Amino acid sequence: GKESSVMAKTENHIYRVDPDGFMIFMATRTESAPDAEIKAEQITGPVLLINSKMDNMWPSELAAEKIMKRLKDHNFPYSYEHLSYDYGSHMFVPMYLPSARLFKGDRGKNKEKGLKARLDSLTKTLEFVSKGKHRLTRAHREKQLKMELPSLTQCTA
């Protein structure tokens, strides 16, 4: 097969041209600066994260995993879910985009698999919203009820 011949490197990134002539970005950092981390626990609603393992613009899978851990560690009261796909690209939208051909996860032998993953994410997004997953988790609803019950009792006494 053809080999990549052009590479450039900065402190945090490597850029290379793949065998098809497209520029590929690869992150060289796995840790983010604390100031750059998304404070997802401050979100006041459900969280659905979707990424492609072939996102070569930034480490979206790693970022999503960090967000999921952060939500769990902060006992996030709303539903949250992470969908990670083997195919697709940085532009993970449920339709064909001509510019998607710029991304390895959406061209050549990956084109149909990428589209299938993106359409699956649309179905799962609609399910996430329609099944009422936007509400507080059951444990948090029960906790909220317990906190409200004493005040209700005081009002009727």
Protein backbone atom coordinates (compact mmCIF):
# COMPACT_ATOMS: atom_id res chain seq x y z
CA GLY A 1 0.00 0.00 0.00
CA LYS A 2 0.88 3.66 -0.28
CA GLU A 3 2.66 5.24 2.68
CA SER A 4 2.26 8.75 4.06
CA SER A 5 5.22 10.95 3.22
CA VAL A 6 4.36 14.40 4.60
CA MET A 7 4.28 15.06 8.34
CA ALA A 8 4.35 18.15 10.54
CA LYS A 9 4.50 18.23 14.31
CA THR A 10 3.67 20.89 16.89
CA GLU A 11 3.74 20.63 20.69
CA ASN A 12 0.22 19.18 20.89
CA HIS A 13 -0.52 17.82 17.43
CA ILE A 14 0.81 15.79 14.56
CA TYR A 15 -0.45 16.45 11.07
CA ARG A 16 0.16 14.01 8.26
CA VAL A 17 -1.09 13.49 4.75
CA ASP A 18 -2.67 10.06 4.36
CA PRO A 19 -2.20 7.87 1.25
CA ASP A 20 -5.29 9.40 -0.38
CA GLY A 21 -3.85 12.91 -0.07
CA PHE A 22 -6.02 14.07 2.84
CA MET A 23 -4.57 15.83 5.88
CA ILE A 24 -5.00 13.86 9.10
CA PHE A 25 -4.80 15.44 12.54
CA MET A 26 -3.65 13.40 15.53
CA ALA A 27 -3.54 14.70 19.07
CA THR A 28 -0.35 13.99 20.99
CA ARG A 29 -1.76 15.00 24.37
CA THR A 30 -4.01 12.75 26.41
CA GLU A 31 -4.43 15.09 29.36
CA SER A 32 -6.21 18.42 29.14
CA ALA A 33 -5.45 21.52 31.11
CA PRO A 34 -7.81 21.75 34.12
CA ASP A 35 -9.08 25.14 32.89
CA ALA A 36 -10.06 23.55 29.56
CA GLU A 37 -12.20 20.77 31.04
CA ILE A 38 -15.94 21.02 30.48
CA LYS A 39 -17.76 21.39 33.80
CA ALA A 40 -20.49 19.02 32.66
CA GLU A 41 -21.83 18.56 36.20
CA GLN A 42 -23.22 22.11 35.95
CA ILE A 43 -25.52 21.16 33.08
CA THR A 44 -29.19 21.28 34.12
CA GLY A 45 -30.59 18.57 31.89
CA PRO A 46 -29.84 15.25 30.24
CA VAL A 47 -26.56 14.60 28.45
CA LEU A 48 -26.13 12.42 25.37
CA LEU A 49 -22.57 12.22 24.03
CA ILE A 50 -21.85 10.78 20.59
CA ASN A 51 -18.42 10.20 19.09
CA SER A 52 -16.60 8.30 16.41
CA LYS A 53 -13.45 6.38 17.24
CA MET A 54 -12.21 7.60 13.85
CA ASP A 55 -12.52 11.29 14.74
CA ASN A 56 -9.11 12.54 13.69
CA MET A 57 -9.77 16.21 14.51
CA TRP A 58 -9.58 15.76 18.28
CA PRO A 59 -9.77 12.90 20.82
CA SER A 60 -13.57 12.99 21.12
CA GLU A 61 -13.87 9.49 22.59
CA LEU A 62 -11.42 10.33 25.37
CA ALA A 63 -13.22 13.64 26.01
CA ALA A 64 -16.60 11.88 26.19
CA GLU A 65 -15.22 9.28 28.60
CA LYS A 66 -13.86 12.05 30.83
CA ILE A 67 -17.23 13.82 30.79
CA MET A 68 -19.03 10.58 31.69
CA LYS A 69 -16.65 10.02 34.61
CA ARG A 70 -17.10 13.58 35.75
CA LEU A 71 -20.90 13.22 35.71
CA LYS A 72 -20.69 9.98 37.69
CA ASP A 73 -18.19 11.41 40.20
CA HIS A 74 -20.48 14.41 40.82
CA ASN A 75 -23.59 12.20 41.18
CA PHE A 76 -25.19 14.00 38.22
CA PRO A 77 -28.98 14.03 38.79
CA TYR A 78 -30.06 13.77 35.15
CA SER A 79 -29.78 10.91 32.69
CA TYR A 80 -26.55 10.68 30.74
CA GLU A 81 -25.37 8.31 28.06
CA HIS A 82 -22.36 7.91 25.77
CA LEU A 83 -22.55 6.37 22.30
CA SER A 84 -19.20 5.55 20.71
CA TYR A 85 -19.02 4.32 17.12
CA ASP A 86 -16.20 2.57 15.27
CA TYR A 87 -16.92 4.46 12.03
CA GLY A 88 -17.88 7.98 11.09
CA SER A 89 -15.79 11.05 11.56
CA HIS A 90 -15.56 14.38 13.32
CA MET A 91 -18.64 15.56 11.40
CA PHE A 92 -20.97 13.05 13.03
CA VAL A 93 -24.29 14.16 11.58
CA PRO A 94 -27.07 11.82 10.37
CA MET A 95 -26.94 12.75 6.70
CA TYR A 96 -24.56 12.69 3.79
CA LEU A 97 -22.33 15.74 3.59
CA PRO A 98 -20.00 16.19 0.61
CA SER A 99 -17.29 17.49 2.95
CA ALA A 100 -17.42 14.20 4.92
CA ARG A 101 -15.15 12.73 2.23
CA LEU A 102 -12.34 14.71 3.82
CA PHE A 103 -12.44 12.36 6.80
CA LYS A 104 -11.10 8.80 6.75
CA GLY A 105 -14.04 7.48 8.79
CA ASP A 106 -16.47 8.57 6.07
CA ARG A 107 -14.81 7.76 2.76
CA GLY A 108 -13.64 4.81 0.73
CA LYS A 109 -14.26 1.48 2.43
CA ASN A 110 -15.62 3.32 5.50
CA LYS A 111 -18.22 5.42 3.66
CA GLU A 112 -21.22 3.10 4.11
CA LYS A 113 -20.22 2.05 7.64
CA GLY A 114 -19.83 5.70 8.62
CA LEU A 115 -23.27 6.57 7.26
CA LYS A 116 -24.80 3.57 9.02
CA ALA A 117 -23.24 4.65 12.35
CA ARG A 118 -24.47 8.22 11.94
CA LEU A 119 -28.01 7.08 11.11
CA ASP A 120 -27.95 4.73 14.13
CA SER A 121 -26.95 7.67 16.31
CA LEU A 122 -29.99 9.60 15.06
CA THR A 123 -32.29 6.70 16.00
CA LYS A 124 -30.70 6.43 19.44
CA THR A 125 -30.88 10.20 19.95
CA LEU A 126 -34.61 10.17 19.19
CA GLU A 127 -35.06 7.22 21.59
CA PHE A 128 -33.09 9.03 24.30
CA VAL A 129 -35.39 12.05 24.04
CA SER A 130 -38.68 10.21 23.49
CA LYS A 131 -38.31 7.71 26.34
CA GLY A 132 -38.31 10.48 28.88
CA LYS A 133 -34.61 10.09 29.57
CA HIS A 134 -34.52 13.85 29.91
CA ARG A 135 -35.92 13.59 33.43
CA LEU A 136 -34.09 13.23 36.69
CA THR A 137 -32.83 9.75 37.43
CA ARG A 138 -35.12 7.62 39.61
CA ALA A 139 -32.78 7.83 42.61
CA HIS A 140 -32.73 11.62 42.41
CA ARG A 141 -36.54 11.81 42.02
CA GLU A 142 -36.94 9.67 45.16
CA LYS A 143 -34.45 11.83 47.05
CA GLN A 144 -36.29 14.95 45.91
CA LEU A 145 -39.63 13.50 47.06
CA LYS A 146 -38.21 12.65 50.49
CA MET A 147 -36.99 16.22 50.83
CA GLU A 148 -40.41 17.61 49.83
CA LEU A 149 -42.53 15.29 52.00
CA PRO A 150 -41.67 16.88 55.36
CA SER A 151 -42.61 20.32 54.05
CA LEU A 152 -45.91 18.93 52.70
CA THR A 153 -46.67 17.38 56.10
CA GLN A 154 -45.95 20.67 57.84
CA CYS A 155 -48.38 22.48 55.55
CA THR A 156 -51.26 20.11 56.34
CA ALA A 157 -50.64 19.95 60.09
